Amino acid sequence: MPAAEARVAIAMPGRYLTQLCKHFRHRRPVTLAEGQGRIDFADGTCTLAAEEAVLVLRVTAAEAAAMPALQDVVARHLLRFAFRDPPEIRWVPATEPEAAPSSPVAG
């Protein structure tokens, strides 16, 4: 499966990870664990990890053709939430396997 990753330098990455997961959980299956999240879309998934001053976004698509749309929806929502200080989001092909969180979102 094709995958891409963006390492986004941002203040309070854990806050934005939580905000993205809570936003999407109204429409998509979401899991959220301490410092990690996963959003399941119809055509793929986005895993998120909060590191010190970096939010790691990893999009995996079922088909290569779905990759641009998945990257776009995740990036647009992050930029909407971080509008006061918009981060640079640069996607690069991912080469390492992903680790998925296992705890469902409470709520």
PDB file of N, CA and C in Angstrom:
ATOM      1  N   MET A   1       0.837  -1.185   0.000  1.00  0.00           N
ATOM      2  CA  MET A   1       0.000   0.000   0.000  1.00  0.00           C
ATOM      3  C   MET A   1       0.882   1.248   0.000  1.00  0.00           C
ATOM      4  N   PRO A   2       0.538   2.222  -0.810  1.00  0.00           N
ATOM      5  CA  PRO A   2       1.319   3.460  -0.821  1.00  0.00           C
ATOM      6  C   PRO A   2       1.120   4.234   0.483  1.00  0.00           C
ATOM      7  N   ALA A   3       2.186   4.878   0.937  1.00  0.00           N
ATOM      8  CA  ALA A   3       2.126   5.649   2.181  1.00  0.00           C
ATOM      9  C   ALA A   3       2.986   6.899   2.045  1.00  0.00           C
ATOM     10  N   ALA A   4       2.596   7.929   2.778  1.00  0.00           N
ATOM     11  CA  ALA A   4       3.360   9.174   2.819  1.00  0.00           C
ATOM     12  C   ALA A   4       3.348   9.683   4.248  1.00  0.00           C
ATOM     13  N   GLU A   5       4.391  10.431   4.589  1.00  0.00           N
ATOM     14  CA  GLU A   5       4.513  10.947   5.944  1.00  0.00           C
ATOM     15  C   GLU A   5       4.865  12.421   5.912  1.00  0.00           C
ATOM     16  N   ALA A   6       4.332  13.143   6.881  1.00  0.00           N
ATOM     17  CA  ALA A   6       4.679  14.558   7.066  1.00  0.00           C
ATOM     18  C   ALA A   6       5.076  14.734   8.521  1.00  0.00           C
ATOM     19  N   ARG A   7       6.247  15.303   8.748  1.00  0.00           N
ATOM     20  CA  ARG A   7       6.715  15.635  10.096  1.00  0.00           C
ATOM     21  C   ARG A   7       6.520  17.136  10.246  1.00  0.00           C
ATOM     22  N   VAL A   8       5.461  17.514  10.950  1.00  0.00           N
ATOM     23  CA  VAL A   8       5.025  18.901  11.026  1.00  0.00           C
ATOM     24  C   VAL A   8       5.537  19.541  12.317  1.00  0.00           C
ATOM     25  N   ALA A   9       6.407  20.528  12.163  1.00  0.00           N
ATOM     26  CA  ALA A   9       6.889  21.275  13.325  1.00  0.00           C
ATOM     27  C   ALA A   9       5.766  22.183  13.798  1.00  0.00           C
ATOM     28  N   ILE A  10       5.332  21.972  15.047  1.00  0.00           N
ATOM     29  CA  ILE A  10       4.174  22.706  15.554  1.00  0.00           C
ATOM     30  C   ILE A  10       4.230  22.729  17.083  1.00  0.00           C
ATOM     31  N   ALA A  11       3.830  23.846  17.649  1.00  0.00           N
ATOM     32  CA  ALA A  11       3.722  23.922  19.105  1.00  0.00           C
ATOM     33  C   ALA A  11       2.542  23.057  19.546  1.00  0.00           C
ATOM     34  N   MET A  12       2.683  22.383  20.634  1.00  0.00           N
ATOM     35  CA  MET A  12       1.621  21.535  21.205  1.00  0.00           C
ATOM     36  C   MET A  12       1.095  20.468  20.232  1.00  0.00           C
ATOM     37  N   PRO A  13       1.955  19.607  19.737  1.00  0.00           N
ATOM     38  CA  PRO A  13       1.492  18.590  18.783  1.00  0.00           C
ATOM     39  C   PRO A  13       0.428  17.660  19.358  1.00  0.00           C
ATOM     40  N   GLY A  14       0.492  17.363  20.650  1.00  0.00           N
ATOM     41  CA  GLY A  14      -0.508  16.499  21.260  1.00  0.00           C
ATOM     42  C   GLY A  14      -1.898  17.111  21.222  1.00  0.00           C
ATOM     43  N   ARG A  15      -1.947  18.413  21.371  1.00  0.00           N
ATOM     44  CA  ARG A  15      -3.243  19.109  21.311  1.00  0.00           C
ATOM     45  C   ARG A  15      -3.862  18.970  19.919  1.00  0.00           C
ATOM     46  N   TYR A  16      -3.059  19.167  18.878  1.00  0.00           N
ATOM     47  CA  TYR A  16      -3.588  19.072  17.514  1.00  0.00           C
ATOM     48  C   TYR A  16      -3.928  17.633  17.143  1.00  0.00           C
ATOM     49  N   LEU A  17      -3.151  16.671  17.632  1.00  0.00           N
ATOM     50  CA  LEU A  17      -3.467  15.264  17.404  1.00  0.00           C
ATOM     51  C   LEU A  17      -4.844  14.954  17.984  1.00  0.00           C
ATOM     52  N   THR A  18      -5.065  15.352  19.214  1.00  0.00           N
ATOM     53  CA  THR A  18      -6.359  15.113  19.866  1.00  0.00           C
ATOM     54  C   THR A  18      -7.480  15.835  19.143  1.00  0.00           C
ATOM     55  N   GLN A  19      -7.231  17.069  18.747  1.00  0.00           N
ATOM     56  CA  GLN A  19      -8.264  17.844  18.064  1.00  0.00           C
ATOM     57  C   GLN A  19      -8.663  17.195  16.733  1.00  0.00           C
ATOM     58  N   LEU A  20      -7.678  16.744  15.968  1.00  0.00           N
ATOM     59  CA  LEU A  20      -7.980  16.071  14.700  1.00  0.00           C
ATOM     60  C   LEU A  20      -8.785  14.790  14.935  1.00  0.00           C
ATOM     61  N   CYS A  21      -8.355  13.984  15.891  1.00  0.00           N
ATOM     62  CA  CYS A  21      -9.057  12.730  16.154  1.00  0.00           C
ATOM     63  C   CYS A  21     -10.489  12.982  16.630  1.00  0.00           C
ATOM     64  N   LYS A  22     -10.668  13.920  17.538  1.00  0.00           N
ATOM     65  CA  LYS A  22     -12.011  14.202  18.039  1.00  0.00           C
ATOM     66  C   LYS A  22     -12.910  14.790  16.956  1.00  0.00           C
ATOM     67  N   HIS A  23     -12.329  15.573  16.061  1.00  0.00           N
ATOM     68  CA  HIS A  23     -13.117  16.127  14.963  1.00  0.00           C
ATOM     69  C   HIS A  23     -13.618  15.016  14.035  1.00  0.00           C
ATOM     70  N   PHE A  24     -12.715  14.125  13.636  1.00  0.00           N
ATOM     71  CA  PHE A  24     -13.087  13.087  12.680  1.00  0.00           C
ATOM     72  C   PHE A  24     -13.927  11.970  13.282  1.00  0.00           C
ATOM     73  N   ARG A  25     -13.897  11.795  14.597  1.00  0.00           N
ATOM     74  CA  ARG A  25     -14.633  10.675  15.185  1.00  0.00           C
ATOM     75  C   ARG A  25     -16.142  10.779  14.991  1.00  0.00           C
ATOM     76  N   HIS A  26     -16.625  11.947  14.623  1.00  0.00           N
ATOM     77  CA  HIS A  26     -18.057  12.105  14.363  1.00  0.00           C
ATOM     78  C   HIS A  26     -18.467  11.475  13.035  1.00  0.00           C
ATOM     79  N   ARG A  27     -17.474  11.244  12.165  1.00  0.00           N
ATOM     80  CA  ARG A  27     -17.782  10.695  10.841  1.00  0.00           C
ATOM     81  C   ARG A  27     -17.005   9.437  10.487  1.00  0.00           C
ATOM     82  N   ARG A  28     -15.921   9.196  11.196  1.00  0.00           N
ATOM     83  CA  ARG A  28     -15.018   8.099  10.848  1.00  0.00           C
ATOM     84  C   ARG A  28     -14.638   7.307  12.093  1.00  0.00           C
ATOM     85  N   PRO A  29     -14.278   6.035  11.937  1.00  0.00           N
ATOM     86  CA  PRO A  29     -13.731   5.284  13.072  1.00  0.00           C
ATOM     87  C   PRO A  29     -12.366   5.889  13.463  1.00  0.00           C
ATOM     88  N   VAL A  30     -12.190   6.134  14.740  1.00  0.00           N
ATOM     89  CA  VAL A  30     -10.980   6.768  15.254  1.00  0.00           C
ATOM     90  C   VAL A  30     -10.516   6.022  16.495  1.00  0.00           C
ATOM     91  N   THR A  31      -9.212   5.877  16.646  1.00  0.00           N
ATOM     92  CA  THR A  31      -8.647   5.410  17.903  1.00  0.00           C
ATOM     93  C   THR A  31      -7.705   6.496  18.399  1.00  0.00           C
ATOM     94  N   LEU A  32      -7.626   6.610  19.718  1.00  0.00           N
ATOM     95  CA  LEU A  32      -6.800   7.637  20.329  1.00  0.00           C
ATOM     96  C   LEU A  32      -6.167   7.064  21.582  1.00  0.00           C
ATOM     97  N   ALA A  33      -4.863   7.156  21.660  1.00  0.00           N
ATOM     98  CA  ALA A  33      -4.108   6.710  22.826  1.00  0.00           C
ATOM     99  C   ALA A  33      -3.163   7.843  23.192  1.00  0.00           C
ATOM    100  N   GLU A  34      -2.501   7.726  24.308  1.00  0.00           N
ATOM    101  CA  GLU A  34      -1.580   8.771  24.747  1.00  0.00           C
ATOM    102  C   GLU A  34      -0.532   9.041  23.666  1.00  0.00           C
ATOM    103  N   GLY A  35      -0.608  10.224  23.062  1.00  0.00           N
ATOM    104  CA  GLY A  35       0.384  10.634  22.064  1.00  0.00           C
ATOM    105  C   GLY A  35       0.259   9.977  20.706  1.00  0.00           C
ATOM    106  N   GLN A  36      -0.812   9.214  20.473  1.00  0.00           N
ATOM    107  CA  GLN A  36      -1.003   8.530  19.197  1.00  0.00           C
ATOM    108  C   GLN A  36      -2.474   8.537  18.805  1.00  0.00           C
ATOM    109  N   GLY A  37      -2.710   8.479  17.512  1.00  0.00           N
ATOM    110  CA  GLY A  37      -4.075   8.398  17.034  1.00  0.00           C
ATOM    111  C   GLY A  37      -4.134   7.718  15.678  1.00  0.00           C
ATOM    112  N   ARG A  38      -5.333   7.345  15.301  1.00  0.00           N
ATOM    113  CA  ARG A  38      -5.557   6.722  13.990  1.00  0.00           C
ATOM    114  C   ARG A  38      -6.949   7.100  13.530  1.00  0.00           C
ATOM    115  N   ILE A  39      -7.033   7.513  12.271  1.00  0.00           N
ATOM    116  CA  ILE A  39      -8.309   7.854  11.654  1.00  0.00           C
ATOM    117  C   ILE A  39      -8.477   6.936  10.447  1.00  0.00           C
ATOM    118  N   ASP A  40      -9.577   6.192  10.411  1.00  0.00           N
ATOM    119  CA  ASP A  40      -9.846   5.292   9.292  1.00  0.00           C
ATOM    120  C   ASP A  40     -10.776   5.978   8.305  1.00  0.00           C
ATOM    121  N   PHE A  41     -10.290   6.146   7.087  1.00  0.00           N
ATOM    122  CA  PHE A  41     -11.084   6.711   6.000  1.00  0.00           C
ATOM    123  C   PHE A  41     -11.524   5.578   5.086  1.00  0.00           C
ATOM    124  N   ALA A  42     -12.453   5.849   4.192  1.00  0.00           N
ATOM    125  CA  ALA A  42     -12.930   4.820   3.264  1.00  0.00           C
ATOM    126  C   ALA A  42     -11.807   4.277   2.386  1.00  0.00           C
ATOM    127  N   ASP A  43     -10.860   5.150   2.002  1.00  0.00           N
ATOM    128  CA  ASP A  43      -9.799   4.754   1.075  1.00  0.00           C
ATOM    129  C   ASP A  43      -8.437   4.589   1.720  1.00  0.00           C
ATOM    130  N   GLY A  44      -8.352   4.632   3.052  1.00  0.00           N
ATOM    131  CA  GLY A  44      -7.058   4.494   3.702  1.00  0.00           C
ATOM    132  C   GLY A  44      -7.106   4.930   5.154  1.00  0.00           C
ATOM    133  N   THR A  45      -5.936   5.140   5.722  1.00  0.00           N
ATOM    134  CA  THR A  45      -5.850   5.529   7.124  1.00  0.00           C
ATOM    135  C   THR A  45      -4.847   6.662   7.308  1.00  0.00           C
ATOM    136  N   CYS A  46      -5.008   7.365   8.423  1.00  0.00           N
ATOM    137  CA  CYS A  46      -4.022   8.343   8.843  1.00  0.00           C
ATOM    138  C   CYS A  46      -3.653   8.006  10.278  1.00  0.00           C
ATOM    139  N   THR A  47      -2.375   7.764  10.517  1.00  0.00           N
ATOM    140  CA  THR A  47      -1.910   7.591  11.882  1.00  0.00           C
ATOM    141  C   THR A  47      -1.186   8.868  12.282  1.00  0.00           C
ATOM    142  N   LEU A  48      -1.299   9.197  13.559  1.00  0.00           N
ATOM    143  CA  LEU A  48      -0.726  10.431  14.073  1.00  0.00           C
ATOM    144  C   LEU A  48       0.093  10.095  15.311  1.00  0.00           C
ATOM    145  N   ALA A  49       1.194  10.808  15.493  1.00  0.00           N
ATOM    146  CA  ALA A  49       2.012  10.639  16.685  1.00  0.00           C
ATOM    147  C   ALA A  49       2.535  12.009  17.096  1.00  0.00           C
ATOM    148  N   ALA A  50       2.453  12.277  18.391  1.00  0.00           N
ATOM    149  CA  ALA A  50       2.954  13.538  18.930  1.00  0.00           C
ATOM    150  C   ALA A  50       4.347  13.295  19.496  1.00  0.00           C
ATOM    151  N   GLU A  51       5.306  14.028  18.958  1.00  0.00           N
ATOM    152  CA  GLU A  51       6.664  14.011  19.479  1.00  0.00           C
ATOM    153  C   GLU A  51       6.942  15.415  20.005  1.00  0.00           C
ATOM    154  N   GLU A  52       8.099  15.633  20.550  1.00  0.00           N
ATOM    155  CA  GLU A  52       8.404  16.963  21.061  1.00  0.00           C
ATOM    156  C   GLU A  52       8.457  17.962  19.915  1.00  0.00           C
ATOM    157  N   ALA A  53       7.507  18.891  19.895  1.00  0.00           N
ATOM    158  CA  ALA A  53       7.394  19.970  18.909  1.00  0.00           C
ATOM    159  C   ALA A  53       7.170  19.486  17.478  1.00  0.00           C
ATOM    160  N   VAL A  54       6.772  18.220  17.307  1.00  0.00           N
ATOM    161  CA  VAL A  54       6.523  17.665  15.968  1.00  0.00           C
ATOM    162  C   VAL A  54       5.273  16.782  16.014  1.00  0.00           C
ATOM    163  N   LEU A  55       4.393  16.987  15.049  1.00  0.00           N
ATOM    164  CA  LEU A  55       3.253  16.106  14.841  1.00  0.00           C
ATOM    165  C   LEU A  55       3.566  15.268  13.604  1.00  0.00           C
ATOM    166  N   VAL A  56       3.624  13.964  13.787  1.00  0.00           N
ATOM    167  CA  VAL A  56       3.924  13.053  12.680  1.00  0.00           C
ATOM    168  C   VAL A  56       2.605  12.540  12.122  1.00  0.00           C
ATOM    169  N   LEU A  57       2.378  12.805  10.853  1.00  0.00           N
ATOM    170  CA  LEU A  57       1.184  12.350  10.149  1.00  0.00           C
ATOM    171  C   LEU A  57       1.618  11.304   9.131  1.00  0.00           C
ATOM    172  N   ARG A  58       0.948  10.178   9.106  1.00  0.00           N
ATOM    173  CA  ARG A  58       1.262   9.136   8.122  1.00  0.00           C
ATOM    174  C   ARG A  58      -0.043   8.693   7.480  1.00  0.00           C
ATOM    175  N   VAL A  59      -0.112   8.845   6.179  1.00  0.00           N
ATOM    176  CA  VAL A  59      -1.292   8.456   5.419  1.00  0.00           C
ATOM    177  C   VAL A  59      -0.946   7.215   4.606  1.00  0.00           C
ATOM    178  N   THR A  60      -1.808   6.209   4.712  1.00  0.00           N
ATOM    179  CA  THR A  60      -1.661   4.987   3.932  1.00  0.00           C
ATOM    180  C   THR A  60      -2.941   4.819   3.122  1.00  0.00           C
ATOM    181  N   ALA A  61      -2.793   4.680   1.822  1.00  0.00           N
ATOM    182  CA  ALA A  61      -3.956   4.578   0.939  1.00  0.00           C
ATOM    183  C   ALA A  61      -4.113   3.152   0.425  1.00  0.00           C
ATOM    184  N   ALA A  62      -5.356   2.763   0.204  1.00  0.00           N
ATOM    185  CA  ALA A  62      -5.631   1.454  -0.381  1.00  0.00           C
ATOM    186  C   ALA A  62      -5.133   1.405  -1.823  1.00  0.00           C
ATOM    187  N   GLU A  63      -5.249   2.517  -2.523  1.00  0.00           N
ATOM    188  CA  GLU A  63      -4.816   2.641  -3.923  1.00  0.00           C
ATOM    189  C   GLU A  63      -4.025   3.940  -4.061  1.00  0.00           C
ATOM    190  N   ALA A  64      -3.044   3.955  -4.928  1.00  0.00           N
ATOM    191  CA  ALA A  64      -2.228   5.158  -5.127  1.00  0.00           C
ATOM    192  C   ALA A  64      -3.072   6.368  -5.525  1.00  0.00           C
ATOM    193  N   ALA A  65      -4.134   6.144  -6.269  1.00  0.00           N
ATOM    194  CA  ALA A  65      -4.983   7.252  -6.731  1.00  0.00           C
ATOM    195  C   ALA A  65      -5.676   7.971  -5.574  1.00  0.00           C
ATOM    196  N   ALA A  66      -5.843   7.307  -4.441  1.00  0.00           N
ATOM    197  CA  ALA A  66      -6.520   7.912  -3.293  1.00  0.00           C
ATOM    198  C   ALA A  66      -5.577   8.772  -2.442  1.00  0.00           C
ATOM    199  N   MET A  67      -4.286   8.630  -2.633  1.00  0.00           N
ATOM    200  CA  MET A  67      -3.310   9.317  -1.781  1.00  0.00           C
ATOM    201  C   MET A  67      -3.463  10.842  -1.768  1.00  0.00           C
ATOM    202  N   PRO A  68      -3.569  11.519  -2.903  1.00  0.00           N
ATOM    203  CA  PRO A  68      -3.692  12.982  -2.856  1.00  0.00           C
ATOM    204  C   PRO A  68      -4.900  13.472  -2.053  1.00  0.00           C
ATOM    205  N   ALA A  69      -6.026  12.802  -2.182  1.00  0.00           N
ATOM    206  CA  ALA A  69      -7.222  13.231  -1.454  1.00  0.00           C
ATOM    207  C   ALA A  69      -7.065  13.016   0.049  1.00  0.00           C
ATOM    208  N   LEU A  70      -6.454  11.909   0.448  1.00  0.00           N
ATOM    209  CA  LEU A  70      -6.230  11.661   1.871  1.00  0.00           C
ATOM    210  C   LEU A  70      -5.269  12.694   2.462  1.00  0.00           C
ATOM    211  N   GLN A  71      -4.187  12.956   1.755  1.00  0.00           N
ATOM    212  CA  GLN A  71      -3.234  13.969   2.220  1.00  0.00           C
ATOM    213  C   GLN A  71      -3.919  15.325   2.335  1.00  0.00           C
ATOM    214  N   ASP A  72      -4.733  15.656   1.364  1.00  0.00           N
ATOM    215  CA  ASP A  72      -5.409  16.952   1.344  1.00  0.00           C
ATOM    216  C   ASP A  72      -6.375  17.109   2.515  1.00  0.00           C
ATOM    217  N   VAL A  73      -7.192  16.110   2.781  1.00  0.00           N
ATOM    218  CA  VAL A  73      -8.183  16.255   3.849  1.00  0.00           C
ATOM    219  C   VAL A  73      -7.509  16.384   5.212  1.00  0.00           C
ATOM    220  N   VAL A  74      -6.455  15.634   5.452  1.00  0.00           N
ATOM    221  CA  VAL A  74      -5.747  15.732   6.731  1.00  0.00           C
ATOM    222  C   VAL A  74      -5.057  17.086   6.851  1.00  0.00           C
ATOM    223  N   ALA A  75      -4.366  17.503   5.801  1.00  0.00           N
ATOM    224  CA  ALA A  75      -3.649  18.789   5.830  1.00  0.00           C
ATOM    225  C   ALA A  75      -4.614  19.962   5.987  1.00  0.00           C
ATOM    226  N   ARG A  76      -5.715  19.955   5.250  1.00  0.00           N
ATOM    227  CA  ARG A  76      -6.686  21.062   5.344  1.00  0.00           C
ATOM    228  C   ARG A  76      -7.235  21.217   6.752  1.00  0.00           C
ATOM    229  N   HIS A  77      -7.548  20.093   7.390  1.00  0.00           N
ATOM    230  CA  HIS A  77      -8.095  20.171   8.742  1.00  0.00           C
ATOM    231  C   HIS A  77      -7.046  20.643   9.744  1.00  0.00           C
ATOM    232  N   LEU A  78      -5.827  20.168   9.620  1.00  0.00           N
ATOM    233  CA  LEU A  78      -4.777  20.646  10.518  1.00  0.00           C
ATOM    234  C   LEU A  78      -4.572  22.145  10.338  1.00  0.00           C
ATOM    235  N   LEU A  79      -4.517  22.607   9.102  1.00  0.00           N
ATOM    236  CA  LEU A  79      -4.335  24.043   8.850  1.00  0.00           C
ATOM    237  C   LEU A  79      -5.514  24.850   9.377  1.00  0.00           C
ATOM    238  N   ARG A  80      -6.696  24.308   9.313  1.00  0.00           N
ATOM    239  CA  ARG A  80      -7.869  25.002   9.852  1.00  0.00           C
ATOM    240  C   ARG A  80      -7.742  25.159  11.365  1.00  0.00           C
ATOM    241  N   PHE A  81      -7.279  24.123  12.043  1.00  0.00           N
ATOM    242  CA  PHE A  81      -7.152  24.184  13.496  1.00  0.00           C
ATOM    243  C   PHE A  81      -5.964  25.046  13.935  1.00  0.00           C
ATOM    244  N   ALA A  82      -4.924  25.091  13.133  1.00  0.00           N
ATOM    245  CA  ALA A  82      -3.707  25.836  13.479  1.00  0.00           C
ATOM    246  C   ALA A  82      -3.622  27.147  12.702  1.00  0.00           C
ATOM    247  N   PHE A  83      -4.756  27.795  12.483  1.00  0.00           N
ATOM    248  CA  PHE A  83      -4.805  28.975  11.619  1.00  0.00           C
ATOM    249  C   PHE A  83      -4.003  30.157  12.147  1.00  0.00           C
ATOM    250  N   ARG A  84      -3.795  30.254  13.451  1.00  0.00           N
ATOM    251  CA  ARG A  84      -3.043  31.398  13.999  1.00  0.00           C
ATOM    252  C   ARG A  84      -1.568  31.352  13.634  1.00  0.00           C
ATOM    253  N   ASP A  85      -1.032  30.151  13.518  1.00  0.00           N
ATOM    254  CA  ASP A  85       0.371  29.970  13.148  1.00  0.00           C
ATOM    255  C   ASP A  85       0.452  28.752  12.228  1.00  0.00           C
ATOM    256  N   PRO A  86       0.013  28.905  10.971  1.00  0.00           N
ATOM    257  CA  PRO A  86      -0.074  27.749  10.064  1.00  0.00           C
ATOM    258  C   PRO A  86       1.281  27.068   9.861  1.00  0.00           C
ATOM    259  N   PRO A  87       1.340  25.774  10.099  1.00  0.00           N
ATOM    260  CA  PRO A  87       2.588  25.039   9.906  1.00  0.00           C
ATOM    261  C   PRO A  87       2.802  24.670   8.442  1.00  0.00           C
ATOM    262  N   GLU A  88       4.029  24.334   8.118  1.00  0.00           N
ATOM    263  CA  GLU A  88       4.334  23.799   6.796  1.00  0.00           C
ATOM    264  C   GLU A  88       4.094  22.293   6.841  1.00  0.00           C
ATOM    265  N   ILE A  89       3.316  21.805   5.899  1.00  0.00           N
ATOM    266  CA  ILE A  89       3.031  20.375   5.816  1.00  0.00           C
ATOM    267  C   ILE A  89       3.603  19.881   4.490  1.00  0.00           C
ATOM    268  N   ARG A  90       4.643  19.061   4.586  1.00  0.00           N
ATOM    269  CA  ARG A  90       5.306  18.543   3.386  1.00  0.00           C
ATOM    270  C   ARG A  90       5.294  17.022   3.457  1.00  0.00           C
ATOM    271  N   TRP A  91       4.587  16.423   2.523  1.00  0.00           N
ATOM    272  CA  TRP A  91       4.470  14.966   2.470  1.00  0.00           C
ATOM    273  C   TRP A  91       5.648  14.371   1.709  1.00  0.00           C
ATOM    274  N   VAL A  92       6.191  13.285   2.240  1.00  0.00           N
ATOM    275  CA  VAL A  92       7.247  12.530   1.567  1.00  0.00           C
ATOM    276  C   VAL A  92       6.856  11.059   1.587  1.00  0.00           C
ATOM    277  N   PRO A  93       7.285  10.297   0.591  1.00  0.00           N
ATOM    278  CA  PRO A  93       6.962   8.863   0.604  1.00  0.00           C
ATOM    279  C   PRO A  93       7.480   8.210   1.886  1.00  0.00           C
ATOM    280  N   ALA A  94       6.666   7.369   2.490  1.00  0.00           N
ATOM    281  CA  ALA A  94       7.044   6.678   3.720  1.00  0.00           C
ATOM    282  C   ALA A  94       7.649   5.330   3.381  1.00  0.00           C
ATOM    283  N   THR A  95       8.688   4.976   4.110  1.00  0.00           N
ATOM    284  CA  THR A  95       9.371   3.716   3.835  1.00  0.00           C
ATOM    285  C   THR A  95       9.327   2.749   5.005  1.00  0.00           C
ATOM    286  N   GLU A  96       9.087   3.237   6.227  1.00  0.00           N
ATOM    287  CA  GLU A  96       9.068   2.374   7.401  1.00  0.00           C
ATOM    288  C   GLU A  96       7.650   1.905   7.698  1.00  0.00           C
ATOM    289  N   PRO A  97       7.493   0.710   8.282  1.00  0.00           N
ATOM    290  CA  PRO A  97       6.152   0.266   8.661  1.00  0.00           C
ATOM    291  C   PRO A  97       5.600   1.142   9.778  1.00  0.00           C
ATOM    292  N   GLU A  98       4.282   1.251   9.819  1.00  0.00           N
ATOM    293  CA  GLU A  98       3.647   2.067  10.838  1.00  0.00           C
ATOM    294  C   GLU A  98       3.282   1.259  12.060  1.00  0.00           C
ATOM    295  N   ALA A  99       3.177   1.929  13.200  1.00  0.00           N
ATOM    296  CA  ALA A  99       2.673   1.334  14.432  1.00  0.00           C
ATOM    297  C   ALA A  99       1.343   1.984  14.738  1.00  0.00           C
ATOM    298  N   ALA A 100       0.321   1.182  14.956  1.00  0.00           N
ATOM    299  CA  ALA A 100      -1.028   1.722  15.177  1.00  0.00           C
ATOM    300  C   ALA A 100      -1.384   1.697  16.654  1.00  0.00           C
ATOM    301  N   PRO A 101      -2.038   2.764  17.128  1.00  0.00           N
ATOM    302  CA  PRO A 101      -2.521   2.750  18.507  1.00  0.00           C
ATOM    303  C   PRO A 101      -3.660   1.745  18.658  1.00  0.00           C
ATOM    304  N   SER A 102      -3.871   1.270  19.872  1.00  0.00           N
ATOM    305  CA  SER A 102      -4.869   0.217  20.053  1.00  0.00           C
ATOM    306  C   SER A 102      -6.047   0.612  20.932  1.00  0.00           C
ATOM    307  N   SER A 103      -6.037   1.802  21.512  1.00  0.00           N
ATOM    308  CA  SER A 103      -7.120   2.199  22.411  1.00  0.00           C
ATOM    309  C   SER A 103      -8.166   3.021  21.680  1.00  0.00           C
ATOM    310  N   PRO A 104      -9.449   2.671  21.817  1.00  0.00           N
ATOM    311  CA  PRO A 104     -10.487   3.463  21.163  1.00  0.00           C
ATOM    312  C   PRO A 104     -10.669   4.799  21.855  1.00  0.00           C
ATOM    313  N   VAL A 105     -11.220   5.755  21.136  1.00  0.00           N
ATOM    314  CA  VAL A 105     -11.513   7.082  21.680  1.00  0.00           C
ATOM    315  C   VAL A 105     -12.639   6.947  22.690  1.00  0.00           C
ATOM    316  N   ALA A 106     -12.423   7.505  23.843  1.00  0.00           N
ATOM    317  CA  ALA A 106     -13.492   7.527  24.847  1.00  0.00           C
ATOM    318  C   ALA A 106     -14.433   8.673  24.529  1.00  0.00           C
ATOM    319  N   GLY A 107     -15.656   8.473  24.802  1.00  0.00           N
ATOM    320  CA  GLY A 107     -16.449   9.639  24.616  1.00  0.00           C
ATOM    321  C   GLY A 107     -17.820   9.488  24.215  1.00  0.00           C
TER     322      GLY A 107
END
